[in-house]
Amino acid sequence: MLSGRVLKLYEDDRDLVEDLSIELEQLIARCKSLLRTITNVRDSYRAVMDTRLNETIRLLTVITVALTIPTMIAGLFGMNVPVPGDNDPLMFWKITVVSIVAACALGGFFLRKR
């Protein structure tokens, strides 16, 4: 375009076209730089979200494992078969206390272990 074959250009026009060309190259470089910055921010955000997700999954796993013991005890004593101590009037409370203590101990162990 600057050769003057397509359009007749005067000296002032050539200077303007050269200035526009330089500014266009600078804008392209700036856009590429901003694109890299956006990509880096997105990757950082994704890493933070992955870390939060891992912590949430870990907490849910600890809760699930801690609730497994009371579930197993309730399943064992909930069967329709003779169980030792089923005539004891305080057996329900004993089983409940043992289940809660075991669940809290296991949950505390896993939460401290981190």
PDB file of N, CA and C in Angstrom:
ATOM      1  N   MET A   1       0.821  -1.178   0.000  1.00  0.00           N
ATOM      2  CA  MET A   1       0.000   0.000   0.000  1.00  0.00           C
ATOM      3  C   MET A   1       0.875   1.255   0.000  1.00  0.00           C
ATOM      4  N   LEU A   2       2.005   1.164   0.668  1.00  0.00           N
ATOM      5  CA  LEU A   2       2.884   2.330   0.727  1.00  0.00           C
ATOM      6  C   LEU A   2       3.621   2.582  -0.583  1.00  0.00           C
ATOM      7  N   SER A   3       3.599   1.622  -1.478  1.00  0.00           N
ATOM      8  CA  SER A   3       4.316   1.811  -2.745  1.00  0.00           C
ATOM      9  C   SER A   3       3.621   2.818  -3.644  1.00  0.00           C
ATOM     10  N   GLY A   4       2.340   3.032  -3.436  1.00  0.00           N
ATOM     11  CA  GLY A   4       1.607   3.990  -4.229  1.00  0.00           C
ATOM     12  C   GLY A   4       1.014   3.409  -5.492  1.00  0.00           C
ATOM     13  N   ARG A   5       1.084   2.105  -5.650  1.00  0.00           N
ATOM     14  CA  ARG A   5       0.520   1.493  -6.849  1.00  0.00           C
ATOM     15  C   ARG A   5      -0.998   1.391  -6.761  1.00  0.00           C
ATOM     16  N   VAL A   6      -1.534   1.151  -5.586  1.00  0.00           N
ATOM     17  CA  VAL A   6      -2.980   1.009  -5.433  1.00  0.00           C
ATOM     18  C   VAL A   6      -3.636   2.383  -5.351  1.00  0.00           C
ATOM     19  N   LEU A   7      -3.129   3.205  -4.472  1.00  0.00           N
ATOM     20  CA  LEU A   7      -3.627   4.570  -4.307  1.00  0.00           C
ATOM     21  C   LEU A   7      -2.449   5.530  -4.383  1.00  0.00           C
ATOM     22  N   LYS A   8      -2.734   6.708  -4.872  1.00  0.00           N
ATOM     23  CA  LYS A   8      -1.683   7.721  -4.903  1.00  0.00           C
ATOM     24  C   LYS A   8      -1.554   8.310  -3.503  1.00  0.00           C
ATOM     25  N   LEU A   9      -0.365   8.166  -2.917  1.00  0.00           N
ATOM     26  CA  LEU A   9      -0.129   8.642  -1.561  1.00  0.00           C
ATOM     27  C   LEU A   9       0.827   9.828  -1.582  1.00  0.00           C
ATOM     28  N   TYR A  10       0.500  10.784  -0.756  1.00  0.00           N
ATOM     29  CA  TYR A  10       1.393  11.921  -0.570  1.00  0.00           C
ATOM     30  C   TYR A  10       2.278  11.633   0.634  1.00  0.00           C
ATOM     31  N   GLU A  11       3.244  12.453   0.862  1.00  0.00           N
ATOM     32  CA  GLU A  11       4.205  12.222   1.943  1.00  0.00           C
ATOM     33  C   GLU A  11       3.510  12.196   3.307  1.00  0.00           C
ATOM     34  N   ASP A  12       2.565  13.108   3.519  1.00  0.00           N
ATOM     35  CA  ASP A  12       1.827  13.120   4.788  1.00  0.00           C
ATOM     36  C   ASP A  12       1.023  11.832   4.950  1.00  0.00           C
ATOM     37  N   ASP A  13       0.462  11.348   3.857  1.00  0.00           N
ATOM     38  CA  ASP A  13      -0.309  10.104   3.909  1.00  0.00           C
ATOM     39  C   ASP A  13       0.595   8.925   4.264  1.00  0.00           C
ATOM     40  N   ARG A  14       1.780   8.922   3.690  1.00  0.00           N
ATOM     41  CA  ARG A  14       2.722   7.833   3.992  1.00  0.00           C
ATOM     42  C   ARG A  14       3.068   7.831   5.485  1.00  0.00           C
ATOM     43  N   ASP A  15       3.309   9.013   6.039  1.00  0.00           N
ATOM     44  CA  ASP A  15       3.628   9.108   7.464  1.00  0.00           C
ATOM     45  C   ASP A  15       2.462   8.602   8.319  1.00  0.00           C
ATOM     46  N   LEU A  16       1.255   8.980   7.953  1.00  0.00           N
ATOM     47  CA  LEU A  16       0.079   8.530   8.712  1.00  0.00           C
ATOM     48  C   LEU A  16      -0.089   7.015   8.625  1.00  0.00           C
ATOM     49  N   VAL A  17       0.102   6.461   7.438  1.00  0.00           N
ATOM     50  CA  VAL A  17      -0.040   5.011   7.272  1.00  0.00           C
ATOM     51  C   VAL A  17       1.050   4.282   8.051  1.00  0.00           C
ATOM     52  N   GLU A  18       2.263   4.807   8.037  1.00  0.00           N
ATOM     53  CA  GLU A  18       3.341   4.191   8.814  1.00  0.00           C
ATOM     54  C   GLU A  18       3.035   4.257  10.306  1.00  0.00           C
ATOM     55  N   ASP A  19       2.542   5.409  10.772  1.00  0.00           N
ATOM     56  CA  ASP A  19       2.170   5.548  12.188  1.00  0.00           C
ATOM     57  C   ASP A  19       1.062   4.565  12.559  1.00  0.00           C
ATOM     58  N   LEU A  20       0.074   4.453  11.684  1.00  0.00           N
ATOM     59  CA  LEU A  20      -1.016   3.504  11.947  1.00  0.00           C
ATOM     60  C   LEU A  20      -0.503   2.073  11.966  1.00  0.00           C
ATOM     61  N   SER A  21       0.407   1.766  11.094  1.00  0.00           N
ATOM     62  CA  SER A  21       0.977   0.419  11.044  1.00  0.00           C
ATOM     63  C   SER A  21       1.740   0.107  12.331  1.00  0.00           C
ATOM     64  N   ILE A  22       2.522   1.070  12.800  1.00  0.00           N
ATOM     65  CA  ILE A  22       3.274   0.882  14.048  1.00  0.00           C
ATOM     66  C   ILE A  22       2.315   0.723  15.223  1.00  0.00           C
ATOM     67  N   GLU A  23       1.293   1.567  15.286  1.00  0.00           N
ATOM     68  CA  GLU A  23       0.320   1.468  16.377  1.00  0.00           C
ATOM     69  C   GLU A  23      -0.432   0.148  16.331  1.00  0.00           C
ATOM     70  N   LEU A  24      -0.735  -0.319  15.132  1.00  0.00           N
ATOM     71  CA  LEU A  24      -1.417  -1.603  14.991  1.00  0.00           C
ATOM     72  C   LEU A  24      -0.550  -2.740  15.516  1.00  0.00           C
ATOM     73  N   GLU A  25       0.733  -2.715  15.208  1.00  0.00           N
ATOM     74  CA  GLU A  25       1.646  -3.745  15.716  1.00  0.00           C
ATOM     75  C   GLU A  25       1.730  -3.690  17.232  1.00  0.00           C
ATOM     76  N   GLN A  26       1.755  -2.479  17.791  1.00  0.00           N
ATOM     77  CA  GLN A  26       1.793  -2.334  19.247  1.00  0.00           C
ATOM     78  C   GLN A  26       0.504  -2.857  19.884  1.00  0.00           C
ATOM     79  N   LEU A  27      -0.620  -2.581  19.258  1.00  0.00           N
ATOM     80  CA  LEU A  27      -1.899  -3.078  19.782  1.00  0.00           C
ATOM     81  C   LEU A  27      -1.965  -4.600  19.725  1.00  0.00           C
ATOM     82  N   ILE A  28      -1.455  -5.173  18.660  1.00  0.00           N
ATOM     83  CA  ILE A  28      -1.434  -6.638  18.554  1.00  0.00           C
ATOM     84  C   ILE A  28      -0.561  -7.228  19.651  1.00  0.00           C
ATOM     85  N   ALA A  29       0.604  -6.625  19.891  1.00  0.00           N
ATOM     86  CA  ALA A  29       1.490  -7.102  20.957  1.00  0.00           C
ATOM     87  C   ALA A  29       0.815  -6.959  22.317  1.00  0.00           C
ATOM     88  N   ARG A  30       0.124  -5.842  22.532  1.00  0.00           N
ATOM     89  CA  ARG A  30      -0.587  -5.621  23.803  1.00  0.00           C
ATOM     90  C   ARG A  30      -1.704  -6.646  23.990  1.00  0.00           C
ATOM     91  N   CYS A  31      -2.437  -6.942  22.930  1.00  0.00           N
ATOM     92  CA  CYS A  31      -3.511  -7.943  23.006  1.00  0.00           C
ATOM     93  C   CYS A  31      -2.952  -9.319  23.347  1.00  0.00           C
ATOM     94  N   LYS A  32      -1.827  -9.665  22.739  1.00  0.00           N
ATOM     95  CA  LYS A  32      -1.203 -10.956  23.049  1.00  0.00           C
ATOM     96  C   LYS A  32      -0.757 -11.005  24.502  1.00  0.00           C
ATOM     97  N   SER A  33      -0.219  -9.889  24.993  1.00  0.00           N
ATOM     98  CA  SER A  33       0.201  -9.822  26.389  1.00  0.00           C
ATOM     99  C   SER A  33      -0.996  -9.960  27.327  1.00  0.00           C
ATOM    100  N   LEU A  34      -2.079  -9.271  27.014  1.00  0.00           N
ATOM    101  CA  LEU A  34      -3.288  -9.373  27.839  1.00  0.00           C
ATOM    102  C   LEU A  34      -3.877 -10.777  27.789  1.00  0.00           C
ATOM    103  N   LEU A  35      -3.800 -11.413  26.647  1.00  0.00           N
ATOM    104  CA  LEU A  35      -4.294 -12.783  26.527  1.00  0.00           C
ATOM    105  C   LEU A  35      -3.491 -13.728  27.417  1.00  0.00           C
ATOM    106  N   ARG A  36      -2.168 -13.546  27.453  1.00  0.00           N
ATOM    107  CA  ARG A  36      -1.337 -14.365  28.347  1.00  0.00           C
ATOM    108  C   ARG A  36      -1.687 -14.097  29.807  1.00  0.00           C
ATOM    109  N   THR A  37      -1.932 -12.829  30.144  1.00  0.00           N
ATOM    110  CA  THR A  37      -2.302 -12.480  31.515  1.00  0.00           C
ATOM    111  C   THR A  37      -3.633 -13.120  31.897  1.00  0.00           C
ATOM    112  N   ILE A  38      -4.592 -13.060  31.009  1.00  0.00           N
ATOM    113  CA  ILE A  38      -5.901 -13.674  31.273  1.00  0.00           C
ATOM    114  C   ILE A  38      -5.753 -15.177  31.456  1.00  0.00           C
ATOM    115  N   THR A  39      -4.937 -15.800  30.637  1.00  0.00           N
ATOM    116  CA  THR A  39      -4.712 -17.243  30.759  1.00  0.00           C
ATOM    117  C   THR A  39      -4.081 -17.574  32.108  1.00  0.00           C
ATOM    118  N   ASN A  40      -3.107 -16.774  32.535  1.00  0.00           N
ATOM    119  CA  ASN A  40      -2.463 -17.011  33.832  1.00  0.00           C
ATOM    120  C   ASN A  40      -3.436 -16.825  34.989  1.00  0.00           C
ATOM    121  N   VAL A  41      -4.272 -15.797  34.914  1.00  0.00           N
ATOM    122  CA  VAL A  41      -5.267 -15.568  35.973  1.00  0.00           C
ATOM    123  C   VAL A  41      -6.258 -16.725  36.022  1.00  0.00           C
ATOM    124  N   ARG A  42      -6.698 -17.188  34.851  1.00  0.00           N
ATOM    125  CA  ARG A  42      -7.639 -18.306  34.797  1.00  0.00           C
ATOM    126  C   ARG A  42      -7.012 -19.571  35.381  1.00  0.00           C
ATOM    127  N   ASP A  43      -5.743 -19.824  35.065  1.00  0.00           N
ATOM    128  CA  ASP A  43      -5.066 -20.998  35.608  1.00  0.00           C
ATOM    129  C   ASP A  43      -4.906 -20.897  37.123  1.00  0.00           C
ATOM    130  N   SER A  44      -4.595 -19.703  37.618  1.00  0.00           N
ATOM    131  CA  SER A  44      -4.472 -19.509  39.066  1.00  0.00           C
ATOM    132  C   SER A  44      -5.813 -19.724  39.757  1.00  0.00           C
ATOM    133  N   TYR A  45      -6.866 -19.188  39.182  1.00  0.00           N
ATOM    134  CA  TYR A  45      -8.205 -19.365  39.746  1.00  0.00           C
ATOM    135  C   TYR A  45      -8.581 -20.845  39.768  1.00  0.00           C
ATOM    136  N   ARG A  46      -8.273 -21.544  38.692  1.00  0.00           N
ATOM    137  CA  ARG A  46      -8.572 -22.972  38.621  1.00  0.00           C
ATOM    138  C   ARG A  46      -7.805 -23.742  39.702  1.00  0.00           C
ATOM    139  N   ALA A  47      -6.550 -23.365  39.946  1.00  0.00           N
ATOM    140  CA  ALA A  47      -5.759 -24.032  40.981  1.00  0.00           C
ATOM    141  C   ALA A  47      -6.357 -23.792  42.366  1.00  0.00           C
ATOM    142  N   VAL A  48      -6.793 -22.564  42.628  1.00  0.00           N
ATOM    143  CA  VAL A  48      -7.413 -22.254  43.924  1.00  0.00           C
ATOM    144  C   VAL A  48      -8.710 -23.042  44.092  1.00  0.00           C
ATOM    145  N   MET A  49      -9.515 -23.100  43.045  1.00  0.00           N
ATOM    146  CA  MET A  49     -10.780 -23.834  43.126  1.00  0.00           C
ATOM    147  C   MET A  49     -10.535 -25.333  43.300  1.00  0.00           C
ATOM    148  N   ASP A  50      -9.507 -25.874  42.660  1.00  0.00           N
ATOM    149  CA  ASP A  50      -9.173 -27.285  42.840  1.00  0.00           C
ATOM    150  C   ASP A  50      -8.761 -27.567  44.276  1.00  0.00           C
ATOM    151  N   THR A  51      -8.005 -26.650  44.866  1.00  0.00           N
ATOM    152  CA  THR A  51      -7.589 -26.821  46.259  1.00  0.00           C
ATOM    153  C   THR A  51      -8.798 -26.800  47.188  1.00  0.00           C
ATOM    154  N   ARG A  52      -9.709 -25.872  46.957  1.00  0.00           N
ATOM    155  CA  ARG A  52     -10.923 -25.809  47.787  1.00  0.00           C
ATOM    156  C   ARG A  52     -11.769 -27.071  47.620  1.00  0.00           C
ATOM    157  N   LEU A  53     -11.878 -27.546  46.396  1.00  0.00           N
ATOM    158  CA  LEU A  53     -12.644 -28.765  46.147  1.00  0.00           C
ATOM    159  C   LEU A  53     -12.009 -29.953  46.858  1.00  0.00           C
ATOM    160  N   ASN A  54     -10.685 -30.046  46.821  1.00  0.00           N
ATOM    161  CA  ASN A  54      -9.995 -31.138  47.506  1.00  0.00           C
ATOM    162  C   ASN A  54     -10.235 -31.089  49.011  1.00  0.00           C
ATOM    163  N   GLU A  55     -10.211 -29.889  49.589  1.00  0.00           N
ATOM    164  CA  GLU A  55     -10.473 -29.759  51.026  1.00  0.00           C
ATOM    165  C   GLU A  55     -11.905 -30.171  51.362  1.00  0.00           C
ATOM    166  N   THR A  56     -12.851 -29.786  50.531  1.00  0.00           N
ATOM    167  CA  THR A  56     -14.249 -30.154  50.763  1.00  0.00           C
ATOM    168  C   THR A  56     -14.444 -31.660  50.666  1.00  0.00           C
ATOM    169  N   ILE A  57     -13.861 -32.272  49.650  1.00  0.00           N
ATOM    170  CA  ILE A  57     -13.975 -33.722  49.482  1.00  0.00           C
ATOM    171  C   ILE A  57     -13.314 -34.439  50.653  1.00  0.00           C
ATOM    172  N   ARG A  58     -12.184 -33.921  51.118  1.00  0.00           N
ATOM    173  CA  ARG A  58     -11.495 -34.532  52.255  1.00  0.00           C
ATOM    174  C   ARG A  58     -12.369 -34.478  53.508  1.00  0.00           C
ATOM    175  N   LEU A  59     -13.000 -33.325  53.756  1.00  0.00           N
ATOM    176  CA  LEU A  59     -13.874 -33.189  54.919  1.00  0.00           C
ATOM    177  C   LEU A  59     -15.067 -34.136  54.820  1.00  0.00           C
ATOM    178  N   LEU A  60     -15.668 -34.226  53.652  1.00  0.00           N
ATOM    179  CA  LEU A  60     -16.802 -35.139  53.478  1.00  0.00           C
ATOM    180  C   LEU A  60     -16.381 -36.594  53.667  1.00  0.00           C
ATOM    181  N   THR A  61     -15.172 -36.931  53.256  1.00  0.00           N
ATOM    182  CA  THR A  61     -14.671 -38.294  53.455  1.00  0.00           C
ATOM    183  C   THR A  61     -14.495 -38.590  54.935  1.00  0.00           C
ATOM    184  N   VAL A  62     -13.957 -37.638  55.686  1.00  0.00           N
ATOM    185  CA  VAL A  62     -13.784 -37.826  57.132  1.00  0.00           C
ATOM    186  C   VAL A  62     -15.138 -38.018  57.801  1.00  0.00           C
ATOM    187  N   ILE A  63     -16.115 -37.213  57.420  1.00  0.00           N
ATOM    188  CA  ILE A  63     -17.455 -37.347  58.008  1.00  0.00           C
ATOM    189  C   ILE A  63     -18.052 -38.707  57.672  1.00  0.00           C
ATOM    190  N   THR A  64     -17.881 -39.145  56.436  1.00  0.00           N
ATOM    191  CA  THR A  64     -18.423 -40.441  56.020  1.00  0.00           C
ATOM    192  C   THR A  64     -17.788 -41.579  56.799  1.00  0.00           C
ATOM    193  N   VAL A  65     -16.468 -41.532  56.953  1.00  0.00           N
ATOM    194  CA  VAL A  65     -15.779 -42.594  57.697  1.00  0.00           C
ATOM    195  C   VAL A  65     -16.200 -42.565  59.162  1.00  0.00           C
ATOM    196  N   ALA A  66     -16.349 -41.374  59.733  1.00  0.00           N
ATOM    197  CA  ALA A  66     -16.750 -41.274  61.140  1.00  0.00           C
ATOM    198  C   ALA A  66     -18.165 -41.798  61.353  1.00  0.00           C
ATOM    199  N   LEU A  67     -19.041 -41.637  60.380  1.00  0.00           N
ATOM    200  CA  LEU A  67     -20.416 -42.120  60.526  1.00  0.00           C
ATOM    201  C   LEU A  67     -20.563 -43.600  60.181  1.00  0.00           C
ATOM    202  N   THR A  68     -19.522 -44.203  59.662  1.00  0.00           N
ATOM    203  CA  THR A  68     -19.591 -45.623  59.315  1.00  0.00           C
ATOM    204  C   THR A  68     -19.682 -46.494  60.565  1.00  0.00           C
ATOM    205  N   ILE A  69     -18.953 -46.155  61.608  1.00  0.00           N
ATOM    206  CA  ILE A  69     -18.953 -46.975  62.832  1.00  0.00           C
ATOM    207  C   ILE A  69     -20.338 -47.012  63.477  1.00  0.00           C
ATOM    208  N   PRO A  70     -21.004 -45.866  63.712  1.00  0.00           N
ATOM    209  CA  PRO A  70     -22.352 -45.956  64.280  1.00  0.00           C
ATOM    210  C   PRO A  70     -23.323 -46.711  63.365  1.00  0.00           C
ATOM    211  N   THR A  71     -23.135 -46.592  62.075  1.00  0.00           N
ATOM    212  CA  THR A  71     -24.005 -47.311  61.143  1.00  0.00           C
ATOM    213  C   THR A  71     -23.804 -48.815  61.266  1.00  0.00           C
ATOM    214  N   MET A  72     -22.550 -49.230  61.383  1.00  0.00           N
ATOM    215  CA  MET A  72     -22.284 -50.674  61.538  1.00  0.00           C
ATOM    216  C   MET A  72     -22.846 -51.199  62.857  1.00  0.00           C
ATOM    217  N   ILE A  73     -22.680 -50.434  63.920  1.00  0.00           N
ATOM    218  CA  ILE A  73     -23.205 -50.873  65.224  1.00  0.00           C
ATOM    219  C   ILE A  73     -24.729 -50.937  65.184  1.00  0.00           C
ATOM    220  N   ALA A  74     -25.363 -49.937  64.603  1.00  0.00           N
ATOM    221  CA  ALA A  74     -26.825 -49.945  64.501  1.00  0.00           C
ATOM    222  C   ALA A  74     -27.294 -51.102  63.628  1.00  0.00           C
ATOM    223  N   GLY A  75     -26.558 -51.390  62.573  1.00  0.00           N
ATOM    224  CA  GLY A  75     -26.919 -52.524  61.716  1.00  0.00           C
ATOM    225  C   GLY A  75     -26.793 -53.845  62.450  1.00  0.00           C
ATOM    226  N   LEU A  76     -25.756 -53.979  63.249  1.00  0.00           N
ATOM    227  CA  LEU A  76     -25.550 -55.222  64.004  1.00  0.00           C
ATOM    228  C   LEU A  76     -26.656 -55.424  65.038  1.00  0.00           C
ATOM    229  N   PHE A  77     -26.961 -54.381  65.793  1.00  0.00           N
ATOM    230  CA  PHE A  77     -27.978 -54.522  66.828  1.00  0.00           C
ATOM    231  C   PHE A  77     -29.393 -54.384  66.277  1.00  0.00           C
ATOM    232  N   GLY A  78     -29.543 -54.022  65.037  1.00  0.00           N
ATOM    233  CA  GLY A  78     -30.865 -53.904  64.441  1.00  0.00           C
ATOM    234  C   GLY A  78     -31.351 -55.190  63.798  1.00  0.00           C
ATOM    235  N   MET A  79     -30.517 -56.212  63.773  1.00  0.00           N
ATOM    236  CA  MET A  79     -30.932 -57.491  63.173  1.00  0.00           C
ATOM    237  C   MET A  79     -31.935 -58.201  64.075  1.00  0.00           C
ATOM    238  N   ASN A  80     -32.764 -59.017  63.479  1.00  0.00           N
ATOM    239  CA  ASN A  80     -33.780 -59.748  64.237  1.00  0.00           C
ATOM    240  C   ASN A  80     -33.241 -61.088  64.718  1.00  0.00           C
ATOM    241  N   VAL A  81     -32.123 -61.023  65.406  1.00  0.00           N
ATOM    242  CA  VAL A  81     -31.515 -62.220  65.998  1.00  0.00           C
ATOM    243  C   VAL A  81     -31.168 -61.887  67.441  1.00  0.00           C
ATOM    244  N   PRO A  82     -31.042 -62.888  68.273  1.00  0.00           N
ATOM    245  CA  PRO A  82     -30.667 -62.608  69.663  1.00  0.00           C
ATOM    246  C   PRO A  82     -29.265 -61.986  69.735  1.00  0.00           C
ATOM    247  N   VAL A  83     -29.168 -60.906  70.499  1.00  0.00           N
ATOM    248  CA  VAL A  83     -27.904 -60.189  70.649  1.00  0.00           C
ATOM    249  C   VAL A  83     -27.607 -60.105  72.136  1.00  0.00           C
ATOM    250  N   PRO A  84     -26.328 -60.234  72.518  1.00  0.00           N
ATOM    251  CA  PRO A  84     -26.012 -60.132  73.946  1.00  0.00           C
ATOM    252  C   PRO A  84     -26.428 -58.769  74.508  1.00  0.00           C
ATOM    253  N   GLY A  85     -27.106 -58.795  75.613  1.00  0.00           N
ATOM    254  CA  GLY A  85     -27.515 -57.568  76.283  1.00  0.00           C
ATOM    255  C   GLY A  85     -28.819 -56.984  75.789  1.00  0.00           C
ATOM    256  N   ASP A  86     -29.599 -57.720  74.995  1.00  0.00           N
ATOM    257  CA  ASP A  86     -30.836 -57.137  74.477  1.00  0.00           C
ATOM    258  C   ASP A  86     -31.921 -57.028  75.547  1.00  0.00           C
ATOM    259  N   ASN A  87     -31.734 -57.661  76.692  1.00  0.00           N
ATOM    260  CA  ASN A  87     -32.694 -57.532  77.798  1.00  0.00           C
ATOM    261  C   ASN A  87     -32.320 -56.399  78.751  1.00  0.00           C
ATOM    262  N   ASP A  88     -31.162 -55.815  78.575  1.00  0.00           N
ATOM    263  CA  ASP A  88     -30.700 -54.729  79.440  1.00  0.00           C
ATOM    264  C   ASP A  88     -31.444 -53.444  79.063  1.00  0.00           C
ATOM    265  N   PRO A  89     -32.143 -52.776  80.022  1.00  0.00           N
ATOM    266  CA  PRO A  89     -32.905 -51.568  79.694  1.00  0.00           C
ATOM    267  C   PRO A  89     -32.011 -50.373  79.321  1.00  0.00           C
ATOM    268  N   LEU A  90     -30.760 -50.392  79.715  1.00  0.00           N
ATOM    269  CA  LEU A  90     -29.852 -49.283  79.399  1.00  0.00           C
ATOM    270  C   LEU A  90     -28.983 -49.560  78.167  1.00  0.00           C
ATOM    271  N   MET A  91     -29.206 -50.694  77.490  1.00  0.00           N
ATOM    272  CA  MET A  91     -28.351 -51.070  76.358  1.00  0.00           C
ATOM    273  C   MET A  91     -28.422 -50.031  75.228  1.00  0.00           C
ATOM    274  N   PHE A  92     -29.600 -49.461  74.997  1.00  0.00           N
ATOM    275  CA  PHE A  92     -29.718 -48.446  73.946  1.00  0.00           C
ATOM    276  C   PHE A  92     -28.775 -47.278  74.219  1.00  0.00           C
ATOM    277  N   TRP A  93     -28.753 -46.802  75.448  1.00  0.00           N
ATOM    278  CA  TRP A  93     -27.909 -45.655  75.790  1.00  0.00           C
ATOM    279  C   TRP A  93     -26.429 -46.025  75.771  1.00  0.00           C
ATOM    280  N   LYS A  94     -26.113 -47.228  76.188  1.00  0.00           N
ATOM    281  CA  LYS A  94     -24.713 -47.671  76.137  1.00  0.00           C
ATOM    282  C   LYS A  94     -24.214 -47.724  74.690  1.00  0.00           C
ATOM    283  N   ILE A  95     -25.033 -48.291  73.822  1.00  0.00           N
ATOM    284  CA  ILE A  95     -24.653 -48.388  72.402  1.00  0.00           C
ATOM    285  C   ILE A  95     -24.547 -46.992  71.789  1.00  0.00           C
ATOM    286  N   THR A  96     -25.477 -46.115  72.143  1.00  0.00           N
ATOM    287  CA  THR A  96     -25.453 -44.751  71.615  1.00  0.00           C
ATOM    288  C   THR A  96     -24.189 -44.014  72.049  1.00  0.00           C
ATOM    289  N   VAL A  97     -23.840 -44.125  73.317  1.00  0.00           N
ATOM    290  CA  VAL A  97     -22.644 -43.449  73.829  1.00  0.00           C
ATOM    291  C   VAL A  97     -21.387 -44.008  73.167  1.00  0.00           C
ATOM    292  N   VAL A  98     -21.286 -45.328  73.065  1.00  0.00           N
ATOM    293  CA  VAL A  98     -20.115 -45.940  72.423  1.00  0.00           C
ATOM    294  C   VAL A  98     -20.016 -45.497  70.959  1.00  0.00           C
ATOM    295  N   SER A  99     -21.132 -45.446  70.269  1.00  0.00           N
ATOM    296  CA  SER A  99     -21.125 -45.026  68.862  1.00  0.00           C
ATOM    297  C   SER A  99     -20.675 -43.579  68.714  1.00  0.00           C
ATOM    298  N   ILE A 100     -21.200 -42.701  69.549  1.00  0.00           N
ATOM    299  CA  ILE A 100     -20.838 -41.284  69.468  1.00  0.00           C
ATOM    300  C   ILE A 100     -19.365 -41.079  69.813  1.00  0.00           C
ATOM    301  N   VAL A 101     -18.903 -41.741  70.860  1.00  0.00           N
ATOM    302  CA  VAL A 101     -17.487 -41.613  71.243  1.00  0.00           C
ATOM    303  C   VAL A 101     -16.577 -42.133  70.129  1.00  0.00           C
ATOM    304  N   ALA A 102     -16.923 -43.284  69.561  1.00  0.00           N
ATOM    305  CA  ALA A 102     -16.097 -43.847  68.486  1.00  0.00           C
ATOM    306  C   ALA A 102     -16.097 -42.936  67.259  1.00  0.00           C
ATOM    307  N   ALA A 103     -17.251 -42.394  66.898  1.00  0.00           N
ATOM    308  CA  ALA A 103     -17.328 -41.506  65.734  1.00  0.00           C
ATOM    309  C   ALA A 103     -16.527 -40.227  65.973  1.00  0.00           C
ATOM    310  N   CYS A 104     -16.647 -39.646  67.157  1.00  0.00           N
ATOM    311  CA  CYS A 104     -15.898 -38.424  67.464  1.00  0.00           C
ATOM    312  C   CYS A 104     -14.396 -38.687  67.505  1.00  0.00           C
ATOM    313  N   ALA A 105     -13.998 -39.812  68.087  1.00  0.00           N
ATOM    314  CA  ALA A 105     -12.571 -40.143  68.148  1.00  0.00           C
ATOM    315  C   ALA A 105     -11.997 -40.337  66.748  1.00  0.00           C
ATOM    316  N   LEU A 106     -12.701 -41.063  65.915  1.00  0.00           N
ATOM    317  CA  LEU A 106     -12.215 -41.302  64.557  1.00  0.00           C
ATOM    318  C   LEU A 106     -12.207 -40.009  63.742  1.00  0.00           C
ATOM    319  N   GLY A 107     -13.261 -39.213  63.868  1.00  0.00           N
ATOM    320  CA  GLY A 107     -13.301 -37.931  63.164  1.00  0.00           C
ATOM    321  C   GLY A 107     -12.194 -36.996  63.630  1.00  0.00           C
ATOM    322  N   GLY A 108     -11.979 -36.927  64.938  1.00  0.00           N
ATOM    323  CA  GLY A 108     -10.898 -36.097  65.474  1.00  0.00           C
ATOM    324  C   GLY A 108      -9.531 -36.565  65.017  1.00  0.00           C
ATOM    325  N   PHE A 109      -9.335 -37.875  64.967  1.00  0.00           N
ATOM    326  CA  PHE A 109      -8.063 -38.429  64.494  1.00  0.00           C
ATOM    327  C   PHE A 109      -7.783 -38.003  63.059  1.00  0.00           C
ATOM    328  N   PHE A 110      -8.770 -38.143  62.192  1.00  0.00           N
ATOM    329  CA  PHE A 110      -8.557 -37.793  60.784  1.00  0.00           C
ATOM    330  C   PHE A 110      -8.413 -36.287  60.582  1.00  0.00           C
ATOM    331  N   LEU A 111      -9.146 -35.493  61.357  1.00  0.00           N
ATOM    332  CA  LEU A 111      -9.035 -34.040  61.208  1.00  0.00           C
ATOM    333  C   LEU A 111      -7.682 -33.528  61.700  1.00  0.00           C
ATOM    334  N   ARG A 112      -7.122 -34.149  62.757  1.00  0.00           N
ATOM    335  CA  ARG A 112      -5.807 -33.748  63.243  1.00  0.00           C
ATOM    336  C   ARG A 112      -4.693 -34.235  62.332  1.00  0.00           C
ATOM    337  N   LYS A 113      -4.922 -35.355  61.670  1.00  0.00           N
ATOM    338  CA  LYS A 113      -3.889 -35.960  60.827  1.00  0.00           C
ATOM    339  C   LYS A 113      -3.550 -35.082  59.630  1.00  0.00           C
ATOM    340  N   ARG A 114      -4.508 -34.499  59.016  1.00  0.00           N
ATOM    341  CA  ARG A 114      -4.373 -33.633  57.845  1.00  0.00           C
ATOM    342  C   ARG A 114      -3.186 -34.027  57.043  1.00  0.00           C
TER     343      ARG A 114
END
